[in-house]
Amino acid sequence: MVDDKDIMKTGTTTVAMKCKDGIVLCADKRVTAGYLIANKKFTKILSVTDSMAVTVAGTVSDVQLLVKILKAEIRLRDVRTGRKTTVHEATNLLAGLVYGNIRKYSLIPGISHFVIAGADKKGLHIYDIGADGSITEVDDYVSSGSGSVMAFGVLEALYVPNLSVKEGVELGKKSINAAVQRDIASGNGIDIVAITAEGVQRVETQLVSSMIK
């Protein structure tokens, strides 16, 4: 029998917000296995294409595998159709994978939560893909993971339409920091990615040292 304490999970706080000149994605860096901090430098924002990225939360093995499959499916689709896959099409692909994953029999619960964001010919898009495979289009901002309650509090109070990417980065930092202060499954640093007309760009990575000097 698999012990839940042995399963690595991205307890996680992730944030995605739409700005006037792009999309900002933020996430903490902690991975837990029960009460153990299993990894302090995990990257929870992953590029899918040069214009799309996802934030991940849930069981680490599941989110890693599903992202690998998604990237392969998008490449194959691009070759077959002779055009770039849209954000909406990629979202449907990933949601289908999540739907099938949560409903298959397994000793380890295949729980995964994604936020997918990107730019295509139709503009900027953010979609929240629930652990059940549901899809919700996001017009402003969204947060996922165990620390999302705290992050939402900051976003509800401070987010305004037509933020610049630079302003979005600062708001994202505040949102993640609020979660890190109260959620034991979030912490150890932050990753920030921006999606603009130039594509997916890593803006910042900060690590928090716990060493006492």
N, C-alpha and C. Protein backbone atom coordinates (compact mmCIF):
# COMPACT_ATOMS: atom_id res chain seq x y z
N MET A 1 0.84 -1.20 0.00
CA MET A 1 0.00 0.00 0.00
C MET A 1 0.87 1.25 0.00
N VAL A 2 0.51 2.23 -0.79
CA VAL A 2 1.29 3.46 -0.89
C VAL A 2 0.93 4.40 0.26
N ASP A 3 1.95 4.85 0.97
CA ASP A 3 1.74 5.80 2.06
C ASP A 3 1.65 7.21 1.48
N ASP A 4 0.63 7.94 1.87
CA ASP A 4 0.43 9.30 1.36
C ASP A 4 1.63 10.19 1.65
N LYS A 5 2.37 9.87 2.73
CA LYS A 5 3.51 10.69 3.08
C LYS A 5 4.65 10.55 2.07
N ASP A 6 4.63 9.44 1.28
CA ASP A 6 5.69 9.22 0.30
C ASP A 6 5.40 9.89 -1.04
N ILE A 7 4.19 10.42 -1.22
CA ILE A 7 3.81 11.03 -2.49
C ILE A 7 4.23 12.50 -2.48
N MET A 8 5.02 12.89 -3.46
CA MET A 8 5.44 14.28 -3.54
C MET A 8 4.34 15.13 -4.17
N LYS A 9 4.01 16.23 -3.50
CA LYS A 9 2.95 17.11 -3.98
C LYS A 9 3.45 18.54 -4.05
N THR A 10 3.02 19.24 -5.09
CA THR A 10 3.29 20.67 -5.14
C THR A 10 2.13 21.34 -4.41
N GLY A 11 2.24 21.44 -3.06
CA GLY A 11 1.19 22.06 -2.24
C GLY A 11 0.77 23.36 -2.87
N THR A 12 1.72 24.22 -3.07
CA THR A 12 1.64 25.25 -4.12
C THR A 12 0.79 26.47 -3.88
N THR A 13 1.32 27.60 -4.36
CA THR A 13 0.51 28.77 -4.68
C THR A 13 0.95 29.26 -6.05
N THR A 14 0.03 29.30 -6.98
CA THR A 14 0.32 29.86 -8.30
C THR A 14 -0.67 30.98 -8.59
N VAL A 15 -0.22 31.94 -9.37
CA VAL A 15 -1.05 33.09 -9.74
C VAL A 15 -0.87 33.36 -11.22
N ALA A 16 -1.96 33.68 -11.90
CA ALA A 16 -1.91 34.14 -13.29
C ALA A 16 -2.80 35.36 -13.41
N MET A 17 -2.31 36.38 -14.07
CA MET A 17 -3.13 37.59 -14.24
C MET A 17 -2.92 38.20 -15.61
N LYS A 18 -3.99 38.74 -16.13
CA LYS A 18 -3.95 39.35 -17.45
C LYS A 18 -3.61 40.84 -17.30
N CYS A 19 -2.65 41.30 -18.08
CA CYS A 19 -2.25 42.71 -18.07
C CYS A 19 -2.50 43.29 -19.46
N LYS A 20 -2.37 44.59 -19.58
CA LYS A 20 -2.67 45.22 -20.86
C LYS A 20 -1.67 44.86 -21.94
N ASP A 21 -0.43 44.50 -21.54
CA ASP A 21 0.60 44.19 -22.52
C ASP A 21 1.15 42.77 -22.37
N GLY A 22 0.41 41.92 -21.67
CA GLY A 22 0.88 40.55 -21.53
C GLY A 22 0.19 39.83 -20.38
N ILE A 23 0.74 38.67 -20.04
CA ILE A 23 0.23 37.86 -18.93
C ILE A 23 1.38 37.59 -17.98
N VAL A 24 1.10 37.66 -16.68
CA VAL A 24 2.11 37.37 -15.65
C VAL A 24 1.73 36.09 -14.92
N LEU A 25 2.69 35.17 -14.81
CA LEU A 25 2.52 33.93 -14.07
C LEU A 25 3.51 33.91 -12.92
N CYS A 26 3.04 33.52 -11.74
CA CYS A 26 3.91 33.46 -10.56
C CYS A 26 3.64 32.16 -9.80
N ALA A 27 4.68 31.63 -9.16
CA ALA A 27 4.50 30.42 -8.37
C ALA A 27 5.62 30.31 -7.33
N ASP A 28 5.31 29.65 -6.22
CA ASP A 28 6.34 29.39 -5.22
C ASP A 28 7.15 28.18 -5.67
N LYS A 29 8.10 27.70 -4.82
CA LYS A 29 9.03 26.66 -5.26
C LYS A 29 9.07 25.43 -4.34
N ARG A 30 8.15 25.29 -3.41
CA ARG A 30 8.21 24.20 -2.43
C ARG A 30 7.43 22.97 -2.88
N VAL A 31 8.03 21.79 -2.65
CA VAL A 31 7.37 20.50 -2.85
C VAL A 31 7.38 19.75 -1.53
N THR A 32 6.25 19.19 -1.16
CA THR A 32 6.15 18.48 0.11
C THR A 32 5.82 17.00 -0.10
N ALA A 33 6.23 16.19 0.88
CA ALA A 33 5.86 14.77 0.95
C ALA A 33 5.41 14.53 2.38
N GLY A 34 4.11 14.64 2.61
CA GLY A 34 3.61 14.61 3.98
C GLY A 34 4.06 15.86 4.72
N TYR A 35 4.77 15.66 5.82
CA TYR A 35 5.28 16.80 6.60
C TYR A 35 6.70 17.19 6.22
N LEU A 36 7.26 16.50 5.22
CA LEU A 36 8.63 16.77 4.79
C LEU A 36 8.65 17.72 3.60
N ILE A 37 9.55 18.70 3.63
CA ILE A 37 9.80 19.53 2.46
C ILE A 37 10.75 18.75 1.57
N ALA A 38 10.22 18.20 0.48
CA ALA A 38 10.99 17.29 -0.38
C ALA A 38 11.89 18.02 -1.36
N ASN A 39 11.51 19.23 -1.75
CA ASN A 39 12.29 19.99 -2.72
C ASN A 39 12.04 21.47 -2.48
N LYS A 40 13.11 22.26 -2.50
CA LYS A 40 13.00 23.70 -2.26
C LYS A 40 13.20 24.52 -3.52
N LYS A 41 13.46 23.85 -4.65
CA LYS A 41 13.80 24.58 -5.87
C LYS A 41 13.00 24.09 -7.07
N PHE A 42 11.79 23.63 -6.84
CA PHE A 42 10.98 23.06 -7.91
C PHE A 42 10.37 24.16 -8.77
N THR A 43 10.44 23.98 -10.09
CA THR A 43 9.88 24.97 -11.01
C THR A 43 8.44 24.59 -11.33
N LYS A 44 7.49 25.45 -10.96
CA LYS A 44 6.06 25.17 -11.13
C LYS A 44 5.44 25.94 -12.28
N ILE A 45 6.27 26.64 -13.05
CA ILE A 45 5.81 27.30 -14.27
C ILE A 45 6.61 26.71 -15.42
N LEU A 46 5.94 26.01 -16.31
CA LEU A 46 6.62 25.28 -17.37
C LEU A 46 6.19 25.79 -18.75
N SER A 47 7.16 26.00 -19.62
CA SER A 47 6.85 26.41 -20.99
C SER A 47 6.30 25.21 -21.76
N VAL A 48 5.25 25.45 -22.52
CA VAL A 48 4.65 24.42 -23.36
C VAL A 48 5.06 24.63 -24.81
N THR A 49 5.01 25.88 -25.25
CA THR A 49 5.53 26.29 -26.56
C THR A 49 6.25 27.62 -26.34
N ASP A 50 6.68 28.25 -27.41
CA ASP A 50 7.35 29.55 -27.25
C ASP A 50 6.37 30.67 -26.91
N SER A 51 5.06 30.36 -26.94
CA SER A 51 4.07 31.40 -26.62
C SER A 51 3.04 30.94 -25.57
N MET A 52 3.25 29.76 -24.99
CA MET A 52 2.32 29.22 -23.99
C MET A 52 3.08 28.63 -22.81
N ALA A 53 2.50 28.75 -21.62
CA ALA A 53 3.09 28.16 -20.43
C ALA A 53 1.98 27.72 -19.49
N VAL A 54 2.32 26.82 -18.56
CA VAL A 54 1.35 26.36 -17.57
C VAL A 54 1.94 26.50 -16.17
N THR A 55 1.07 26.75 -15.19
CA THR A 55 1.44 26.61 -13.79
C THR A 55 0.87 25.28 -13.32
N VAL A 56 1.59 24.62 -12.40
CA VAL A 56 1.18 23.28 -11.98
C VAL A 56 0.98 23.20 -10.48
N ALA A 57 0.03 22.34 -10.10
CA ALA A 57 -0.21 22.03 -8.69
C ALA A 57 -0.74 20.61 -8.62
N GLY A 58 -0.46 19.91 -7.53
CA GLY A 58 -0.95 18.56 -7.38
C GLY A 58 0.17 17.55 -7.22
N THR A 59 -0.08 16.29 -7.59
CA THR A 59 0.90 15.23 -7.47
C THR A 59 1.99 15.41 -8.53
N VAL A 60 3.24 15.49 -8.08
CA VAL A 60 4.34 15.85 -8.97
C VAL A 60 4.45 14.93 -10.18
N SER A 61 4.39 13.61 -9.96
CA SER A 61 4.55 12.66 -11.07
C SER A 61 3.48 12.87 -12.14
N ASP A 62 2.26 13.19 -11.71
CA ASP A 62 1.17 13.38 -12.66
C ASP A 62 1.34 14.66 -13.47
N VAL A 63 1.67 15.76 -12.80
CA VAL A 63 1.80 17.02 -13.54
C VAL A 63 2.97 16.97 -14.51
N GLN A 64 4.07 16.31 -14.12
CA GLN A 64 5.21 16.21 -15.02
C GLN A 64 4.87 15.39 -16.27
N LEU A 65 4.21 14.25 -16.06
CA LEU A 65 3.87 13.39 -17.19
C LEU A 65 2.86 14.06 -18.12
N LEU A 66 1.84 14.69 -17.55
CA LEU A 66 0.81 15.32 -18.37
C LEU A 66 1.37 16.47 -19.20
N VAL A 67 2.31 17.22 -18.65
CA VAL A 67 2.92 18.31 -19.40
C VAL A 67 3.77 17.76 -20.55
N LYS A 68 4.49 16.67 -20.29
CA LYS A 68 5.28 16.04 -21.36
C LYS A 68 4.38 15.57 -22.50
N ILE A 69 3.27 14.93 -22.14
CA ILE A 69 2.34 14.46 -23.17
C ILE A 69 1.74 15.63 -23.94
N LEU A 70 1.37 16.69 -23.22
CA LEU A 70 0.79 17.87 -23.86
C LEU A 70 1.75 18.46 -24.88
N LYS A 71 3.02 18.62 -24.50
CA LYS A 71 4.01 19.20 -25.41
C LYS A 71 4.18 18.35 -26.67
N ALA A 72 4.19 17.04 -26.48
CA ALA A 72 4.33 16.14 -27.62
C ALA A 72 3.10 16.21 -28.54
N GLU A 73 1.91 16.26 -27.93
CA GLU A 73 0.68 16.33 -28.71
C GLU A 73 0.59 17.64 -29.50
N ILE A 74 1.05 18.72 -28.91
CA ILE A 74 1.02 20.01 -29.60
C ILE A 74 1.97 20.00 -30.79
N ARG A 75 3.17 19.45 -30.61
CA ARG A 75 4.12 19.37 -31.73
C ARG A 75 3.54 18.54 -32.87
N LEU A 76 2.94 17.40 -32.51
CA LEU A 76 2.34 16.53 -33.51
C LEU A 76 1.19 17.23 -34.23
N ARG A 77 0.38 17.95 -33.47
CA ARG A 77 -0.76 18.67 -34.05
C ARG A 77 -0.28 19.76 -35.00
N ASP A 78 0.77 20.47 -34.62
CA ASP A 78 1.32 21.52 -35.47
C ASP A 78 1.80 20.97 -36.81
N VAL A 79 2.46 19.81 -36.75
CA VAL A 79 2.96 19.18 -37.98
C VAL A 79 1.79 18.73 -38.86
N ARG A 80 0.79 18.14 -38.26
CA ARG A 80 -0.35 17.60 -39.03
C ARG A 80 -1.19 18.70 -39.67
N THR A 81 -1.36 19.83 -38.95
CA THR A 81 -2.24 20.89 -39.44
C THR A 81 -1.50 21.96 -40.23
N GLY A 82 -0.18 22.02 -40.06
CA GLY A 82 0.60 23.03 -40.75
C GLY A 82 0.43 24.42 -40.18
N ARG A 83 -0.03 24.50 -38.93
CA ARG A 83 -0.18 25.79 -38.26
C ARG A 83 0.05 25.61 -36.76
N LYS A 84 0.19 26.74 -36.07
CA LYS A 84 0.42 26.68 -34.63
C LYS A 84 -0.89 26.40 -33.88
N THR A 85 -0.83 25.54 -32.91
CA THR A 85 -1.98 25.23 -32.07
C THR A 85 -2.37 26.47 -31.27
N THR A 86 -3.67 26.79 -31.21
CA THR A 86 -4.12 27.94 -30.43
C THR A 86 -4.15 27.59 -28.95
N VAL A 87 -4.24 28.61 -28.12
CA VAL A 87 -4.29 28.40 -26.67
C VAL A 87 -5.54 27.60 -26.29
N HIS A 88 -6.66 27.89 -26.94
CA HIS A 88 -7.90 27.17 -26.64
C HIS A 88 -7.78 25.70 -27.01
N GLU A 89 -7.14 25.39 -28.13
CA GLU A 89 -6.95 24.01 -28.54
C GLU A 89 -6.04 23.27 -27.57
N ALA A 90 -4.95 23.94 -27.14
CA ALA A 90 -4.04 23.33 -26.17
C ALA A 90 -4.74 23.09 -24.84
N THR A 91 -5.62 24.01 -24.47
CA THR A 91 -6.38 23.86 -23.23
C THR A 91 -7.29 22.64 -23.28
N ASN A 92 -7.96 22.46 -24.40
CA ASN A 92 -8.83 21.28 -24.55
C ASN A 92 -8.04 19.98 -24.51
N LEU A 93 -6.85 19.98 -25.10
CA LEU A 93 -5.99 18.80 -25.05
C LEU A 93 -5.62 18.46 -23.61
N LEU A 94 -5.16 19.48 -22.86
CA LEU A 94 -4.73 19.25 -21.48
C LEU A 94 -5.90 18.88 -20.58
N ALA A 95 -7.04 19.52 -20.78
CA ALA A 95 -8.22 19.20 -19.96
C ALA A 95 -8.65 17.75 -20.19
N GLY A 96 -8.56 17.27 -21.42
CA GLY A 96 -8.88 15.88 -21.70
C GLY A 96 -7.94 14.92 -21.00
N LEU A 97 -6.66 15.27 -20.95
CA LEU A 97 -5.68 14.44 -20.25
C LEU A 97 -5.97 14.41 -18.75
N VAL A 98 -6.30 15.56 -18.19
CA VAL A 98 -6.61 15.64 -16.76
C VAL A 98 -7.87 14.84 -16.43
N TYR A 99 -8.88 14.97 -17.28
CA TYR A 99 -10.14 14.25 -17.08
C TYR A 99 -9.90 12.74 -17.04
N GLY A 100 -9.13 12.23 -17.99
CA GLY A 100 -8.85 10.81 -18.03
C GLY A 100 -7.97 10.36 -16.89
N ASN A 101 -7.04 11.22 -16.47
CA ASN A 101 -6.09 10.86 -15.42
C ASN A 101 -6.76 10.71 -14.06
N ILE A 102 -7.68 11.60 -13.73
CA ILE A 102 -8.32 11.57 -12.41
C ILE A 102 -9.30 10.42 -12.30
N ARG A 103 -9.77 9.91 -13.44
CA ARG A 103 -10.80 8.87 -13.41
C ARG A 103 -10.28 7.45 -13.61
N LYS A 104 -8.99 7.30 -13.79
CA LYS A 104 -8.44 5.96 -13.92
C LYS A 104 -8.11 5.39 -12.54
N TYR A 105 -8.22 4.07 -12.41
CA TYR A 105 -7.92 3.44 -11.12
C TYR A 105 -6.43 3.50 -10.84
N SER A 106 -6.08 3.93 -9.62
CA SER A 106 -4.68 4.00 -9.23
C SER A 106 -4.56 4.02 -7.71
N LEU A 107 -3.50 3.42 -7.19
CA LEU A 107 -3.24 3.47 -5.75
C LEU A 107 -2.81 4.86 -5.32
N ILE A 108 -2.29 5.63 -6.28
CA ILE A 108 -1.89 7.02 -6.00
C ILE A 108 -2.89 7.94 -6.66
N PRO A 109 -3.55 8.81 -5.92
CA PRO A 109 -4.53 9.73 -6.51
C PRO A 109 -3.88 10.64 -7.55
N GLY A 110 -4.41 10.62 -8.77
CA GLY A 110 -3.84 11.43 -9.85
C GLY A 110 -4.41 12.83 -9.86
N ILE A 111 -4.13 13.59 -8.82
CA ILE A 111 -4.70 14.93 -8.69
C ILE A 111 -3.76 15.96 -9.30
N SER A 112 -4.26 16.75 -10.22
CA SER A 112 -3.45 17.79 -10.85
C SER A 112 -4.33 19.00 -11.17
N HIS A 113 -3.75 20.17 -11.03
CA HIS A 113 -4.46 21.42 -11.31
C HIS A 113 -3.54 22.30 -12.12
N PHE A 114 -4.02 22.74 -13.27
CA PHE A 114 -3.20 23.55 -14.17
C PHE A 114 -3.88 24.90 -14.44
N VAL A 115 -3.06 25.90 -14.62
CA VAL A 115 -3.48 27.15 -15.25
C VAL A 115 -2.65 27.29 -16.51
N ILE A 116 -3.29 27.37 -17.65
CA ILE A 116 -2.58 27.50 -18.92
C ILE A 116 -2.81 28.90 -19.47
N ALA A 117 -1.74 29.51 -19.94
CA ALA A 117 -1.82 30.89 -20.45
C ALA A 117 -0.97 31.01 -21.70
N GLY A 118 -1.38 31.90 -22.58
CA GLY A 118 -0.60 32.08 -23.78
C GLY A 118 -1.13 33.16 -24.69
N ALA A 119 -0.39 33.38 -25.77
CA ALA A 119 -0.77 34.38 -26.77
C ALA A 119 -0.86 33.70 -28.13
N ASP A 120 -1.89 34.07 -28.89
CA ASP A 120 -2.03 33.60 -30.26
C ASP A 120 -2.63 34.72 -31.11
N LYS A 121 -3.07 34.39 -32.31
CA LYS A 121 -3.59 35.41 -33.21
C LYS A 121 -4.85 36.09 -32.66
N LYS A 122 -5.55 35.41 -31.76
CA LYS A 122 -6.78 35.97 -31.20
C LYS A 122 -6.54 36.80 -29.94
N GLY A 123 -5.29 36.84 -29.47
CA GLY A 123 -4.98 37.66 -28.30
C GLY A 123 -4.37 36.89 -27.16
N LEU A 124 -4.57 37.42 -25.94
CA LEU A 124 -4.03 36.82 -24.72
C LEU A 124 -5.12 35.99 -24.04
N HIS A 125 -4.73 34.81 -23.53
CA HIS A 125 -5.73 33.92 -22.94
C HIS A 125 -5.20 33.27 -21.67
N ILE A 126 -6.10 33.13 -20.69
CA ILE A 126 -5.81 32.36 -19.47
C ILE A 126 -6.97 31.41 -19.24
N TYR A 127 -6.65 30.13 -18.99
CA TYR A 127 -7.68 29.14 -18.68
C TYR A 127 -7.28 28.39 -17.40
N ASP A 128 -8.25 28.21 -16.54
CA ASP A 128 -8.07 27.44 -15.32
C ASP A 128 -8.61 26.03 -15.57
N ILE A 129 -7.73 25.02 -15.44
CA ILE A 129 -8.14 23.62 -15.65
C ILE A 129 -8.19 22.94 -14.28
N GLY A 130 -9.39 22.66 -13.81
CA GLY A 130 -9.58 22.06 -12.50
C GLY A 130 -9.09 20.63 -12.44
N ALA A 131 -8.99 20.10 -11.23
CA ALA A 131 -8.51 18.73 -11.04
C ALA A 131 -9.45 17.69 -11.65
N ASP A 132 -10.68 18.10 -11.97
CA ASP A 132 -11.65 17.19 -12.60
C ASP A 132 -11.67 17.31 -14.12
N GLY A 133 -10.81 18.17 -14.67
CA GLY A 133 -10.76 18.37 -16.11
C GLY A 133 -11.65 19.48 -16.61
N SER A 134 -12.29 20.20 -15.71
CA SER A 134 -13.15 21.32 -16.10
C SER A 134 -12.31 22.49 -16.60
N ILE A 135 -12.90 23.31 -17.47
CA ILE A 135 -12.22 24.47 -18.04
C ILE A 135 -12.97 25.74 -17.69
N THR A 136 -12.25 26.72 -17.18
CA THR A 136 -12.83 28.03 -16.90
C THR A 136 -11.95 29.10 -17.53
N GLU A 137 -12.54 29.90 -18.42
CA GLU A 137 -11.77 31.00 -19.01
C GLU A 137 -11.67 32.14 -18.01
N VAL A 138 -10.48 32.73 -17.91
CA VAL A 138 -10.21 33.77 -16.91
C VAL A 138 -9.99 35.10 -17.62
N ASP A 139 -10.75 36.11 -17.22
CA ASP A 139 -10.64 37.42 -17.85
C ASP A 139 -9.67 38.35 -17.12
N ASP A 140 -9.39 38.07 -15.85
CA ASP A 140 -8.56 38.97 -15.07
C ASP A 140 -7.43 38.24 -14.35
N TYR A 141 -7.76 37.46 -13.32
CA TYR A 141 -6.73 36.77 -12.55
C TYR A 141 -7.29 35.49 -11.96
N VAL A 142 -6.37 34.60 -11.59
CA VAL A 142 -6.76 33.34 -10.96
C VAL A 142 -5.59 32.86 -10.12
N SER A 143 -5.89 32.07 -9.09
CA SER A 143 -4.86 31.47 -8.27
C SER A 143 -5.22 30.01 -8.03
N SER A 144 -4.22 29.15 -7.89
CA SER A 144 -4.47 27.74 -7.63
C SER A 144 -3.56 27.25 -6.52
N GLY A 145 -3.90 26.10 -5.97
CA GLY A 145 -3.06 25.49 -4.95
C GLY A 145 -3.53 25.77 -3.54
N SER A 146 -2.82 25.19 -2.58
CA SER A 146 -3.23 25.27 -1.18
C SER A 146 -3.15 26.69 -0.61
N GLY A 147 -2.32 27.55 -1.20
CA GLY A 147 -2.20 28.91 -0.71
C GLY A 147 -3.04 29.92 -1.48
N SER A 148 -3.91 29.42 -2.35
CA SER A 148 -4.68 30.32 -3.22
C SER A 148 -5.63 31.23 -2.46
N VAL A 149 -6.11 30.78 -1.31
CA VAL A 149 -7.05 31.61 -0.53
C VAL A 149 -6.38 32.93 -0.14
N MET A 150 -5.15 32.83 0.36
CA MET A 150 -4.42 34.04 0.75
C MET A 150 -4.08 34.90 -0.47
N ALA A 151 -3.68 34.26 -1.55
CA ALA A 151 -3.33 35.01 -2.77
C ALA A 151 -4.54 35.74 -3.33
N PHE A 152 -5.69 35.07 -3.32
CA PHE A 152 -6.91 35.70 -3.81
C PHE A 152 -7.25 36.96 -3.01
N GLY A 153 -6.99 36.92 -1.71
CA GLY A 153 -7.28 38.09 -0.88
C GLY A 153 -6.52 39.32 -1.35
N VAL A 154 -5.24 39.13 -1.70
CA VAL A 154 -4.42 40.24 -2.19
C VAL A 154 -4.89 40.68 -3.56
N LEU A 155 -5.17 39.73 -4.43
CA LEU A 155 -5.60 40.05 -5.78
C LEU A 155 -6.94 40.79 -5.79
N GLU A 156 -7.87 40.34 -4.95
CA GLU A 156 -9.18 41.00 -4.88
C GLU A 156 -9.03 42.46 -4.45
N ALA A 157 -8.08 42.72 -3.58
CA ALA A 157 -7.91 44.08 -3.03
C ALA A 157 -7.12 44.99 -3.96
N LEU A 158 -6.15 44.44 -4.70
CA LEU A 158 -5.20 45.30 -5.40
C LEU A 158 -5.23 45.23 -6.93
N TYR A 159 -5.84 44.19 -7.48
CA TYR A 159 -5.84 44.09 -8.94
C TYR A 159 -6.78 45.12 -9.56
N VAL A 160 -6.31 45.76 -10.62
CA VAL A 160 -7.14 46.67 -11.41
C VAL A 160 -6.93 46.34 -12.89
N PRO A 161 -7.94 46.56 -13.71
CA PRO A 161 -7.78 46.29 -15.15
C PRO A 161 -6.67 47.16 -15.76
N ASN A 162 -6.09 46.67 -16.83
CA ASN A 162 -5.07 47.40 -17.59
C ASN A 162 -3.78 47.63 -16.82
N LEU A 163 -3.45 46.72 -15.92
CA LEU A 163 -2.12 46.75 -15.31
C LEU A 163 -1.06 46.53 -16.38
N SER A 164 0.09 47.13 -16.21
CA SER A 164 1.22 46.79 -17.08
C SER A 164 1.84 45.50 -16.57
N VAL A 165 2.64 44.85 -17.41
CA VAL A 165 3.32 43.63 -16.98
C VAL A 165 4.21 43.92 -15.78
N LYS A 166 4.87 45.06 -15.79
CA LYS A 166 5.74 45.44 -14.68
C LYS A 166 4.94 45.55 -13.38
N GLU A 167 3.78 46.17 -13.45
CA GLU A 167 2.92 46.28 -12.26
C GLU A 167 2.38 44.91 -11.85
N GLY A 168 2.08 44.08 -12.85
CA GLY A 168 1.60 42.73 -12.57
C GLY A 168 2.63 41.88 -11.85
N VAL A 169 3.88 42.05 -12.21
CA VAL A 169 4.96 41.32 -11.55
C VAL A 169 5.00 41.66 -10.06
N GLU A 170 4.90 42.94 -9.75
CA GLU A 170 4.94 43.37 -8.35
C GLU A 170 3.72 42.85 -7.57
N LEU A 171 2.55 42.89 -8.21
CA LEU A 171 1.35 42.37 -7.55
C LEU A 171 1.45 40.86 -7.36
N GLY A 172 2.02 40.18 -8.34
CA GLY A 172 2.21 38.74 -8.21
C GLY A 172 3.10 38.39 -7.03
N LYS A 173 4.17 39.16 -6.85
CA LYS A 173 5.06 38.94 -5.71
C LYS A 173 4.31 39.08 -4.39
N LYS A 174 3.49 40.11 -4.28
CA LYS A 174 2.73 40.32 -3.05
C LYS A 174 1.75 39.18 -2.81
N SER A 175 1.14 38.67 -3.86
CA SER A 175 0.17 37.59 -3.73
C SER A 175 0.83 36.30 -3.25
N ILE A 176 1.96 35.95 -3.86
CA ILE A 176 2.67 34.75 -3.46
C ILE A 176 3.21 34.90 -2.04
N ASN A 177 3.72 36.07 -1.72
CA ASN A 177 4.27 36.30 -0.38
C ASN A 177 3.19 36.15 0.69
N ALA A 178 1.98 36.62 0.41
CA ALA A 178 0.89 36.48 1.37
C ALA A 178 0.60 35.02 1.66
N ALA A 179 0.66 34.18 0.61
CA ALA A 179 0.42 32.74 0.79
C ALA A 179 1.56 32.08 1.55
N VAL A 180 2.79 32.46 1.20
CA VAL A 180 3.96 31.87 1.85
C VAL A 180 3.96 32.13 3.35
N GLN A 181 3.43 33.28 3.75
CA GLN A 181 3.41 33.64 5.17
C GLN A 181 2.45 32.77 5.98
N ARG A 182 1.44 32.17 5.34
CA ARG A 182 0.40 31.45 6.07
C ARG A 182 0.22 29.99 5.66
N ASP A 183 0.62 29.63 4.45
CA ASP A 183 0.41 28.27 3.96
C ASP A 183 1.71 27.47 4.11
N ILE A 184 1.68 26.39 4.90
CA ILE A 184 2.90 25.64 5.18
C ILE A 184 3.39 24.85 3.96
N ALA A 185 2.52 24.64 2.97
CA ALA A 185 2.92 23.88 1.78
C ALA A 185 3.48 24.77 0.68
N SER A 186 3.55 26.08 0.92
CA SER A 186 4.10 27.03 -0.06
C SER A 186 5.32 27.72 0.55
N GLY A 187 6.32 27.96 -0.28
CA GLY A 187 7.47 28.68 0.24
C GLY A 187 8.74 28.45 -0.56
N ASN A 188 9.87 28.88 0.06
CA ASN A 188 11.23 28.67 -0.44
C ASN A 188 11.61 29.48 -1.67
N GLY A 189 10.73 30.36 -2.14
CA GLY A 189 11.11 31.19 -3.27
C GLY A 189 9.95 31.44 -4.21
N ILE A 190 10.27 32.10 -5.31
CA ILE A 190 9.23 32.45 -6.29
C ILE A 190 9.82 32.45 -7.69
N ASP A 191 9.02 31.99 -8.64
CA ASP A 191 9.33 32.11 -10.06
C ASP A 191 8.30 33.02 -10.69
N ILE A 192 8.75 33.88 -11.61
CA ILE A 192 7.85 34.78 -12.32
C ILE A 192 8.14 34.69 -13.81
N VAL A 193 7.08 34.48 -14.59
CA VAL A 193 7.19 34.38 -16.04
C VAL A 193 6.20 35.36 -16.67
N ALA A 194 6.62 36.01 -17.73
CA ALA A 194 5.74 36.91 -18.48
C ALA A 194 5.55 36.37 -19.89
N ILE A 195 4.32 36.47 -20.39
CA ILE A 195 4.03 36.10 -21.78
C ILE A 195 3.59 37.37 -22.50
N THR A 196 4.39 37.79 -23.46
CA THR A 196 4.12 39.01 -24.21
C THR A 196 4.19 38.70 -25.70
N ALA A 197 4.20 39.75 -26.50
CA ALA A 197 4.31 39.58 -27.94
C ALA A 197 5.63 38.91 -28.32
N GLU A 198 6.62 39.00 -27.45
CA GLU A 198 7.92 38.38 -27.69
C GLU A 198 7.95 36.91 -27.28
N GLY A 199 6.88 36.42 -26.65
CA GLY A 199 6.81 35.03 -26.24
C GLY A 199 6.93 34.86 -24.74
N VAL A 200 7.27 33.63 -24.33
CA VAL A 200 7.41 33.30 -22.91
C VAL A 200 8.79 33.72 -22.43
N GLN A 201 8.82 34.53 -21.38
CA GLN A 201 10.09 35.03 -20.86
C GLN A 201 10.11 34.87 -19.35
N ARG A 202 11.19 34.27 -18.83
CA ARG A 202 11.35 34.17 -17.38
C ARG A 202 11.84 35.51 -16.85
N VAL A 203 11.04 36.12 -15.99
CA VAL A 203 11.35 37.47 -15.50
C VAL A 203 12.24 37.42 -14.28
N GLU A 204 11.93 36.51 -13.36
CA GLU A 204 12.65 36.51 -12.10
C GLU A 204 12.55 35.16 -11.40
N THR A 205 13.61 34.78 -10.71
CA THR A 205 13.61 33.62 -9.82
C THR A 205 14.31 34.02 -8.54
N GLN A 206 13.62 33.85 -7.41
CA GLN A 206 14.21 34.17 -6.12
C GLN A 206 14.16 32.93 -5.24
N LEU A 207 15.27 32.61 -4.61
CA LEU A 207 15.32 31.51 -3.65
C LEU A 207 15.46 32.07 -2.26
N VAL A 208 14.80 31.43 -1.29
CA VAL A 208 14.85 31.88 0.09
C VAL A 208 15.68 30.89 0.88
N SER A 209 16.75 31.34 1.48
CA SER A 209 17.60 30.45 2.27
C SER A 209 17.06 30.34 3.69
N SER A 210 17.07 29.13 4.24
CA SER A 210 16.60 28.91 5.60
C SER A 210 17.77 28.70 6.56
N MET A 211 19.00 28.92 6.09
CA MET A 211 20.17 28.71 6.93
C MET A 211 20.29 29.81 7.98
N ILE A 212 20.65 29.42 9.18
CA ILE A 212 20.86 30.38 10.26
C ILE A 212 22.37 30.65 10.37
N LYS A 213 22.73 31.91 10.24
CA LYS A 213 24.15 32.28 10.26
C LYS A 213 24.49 32.92 11.60
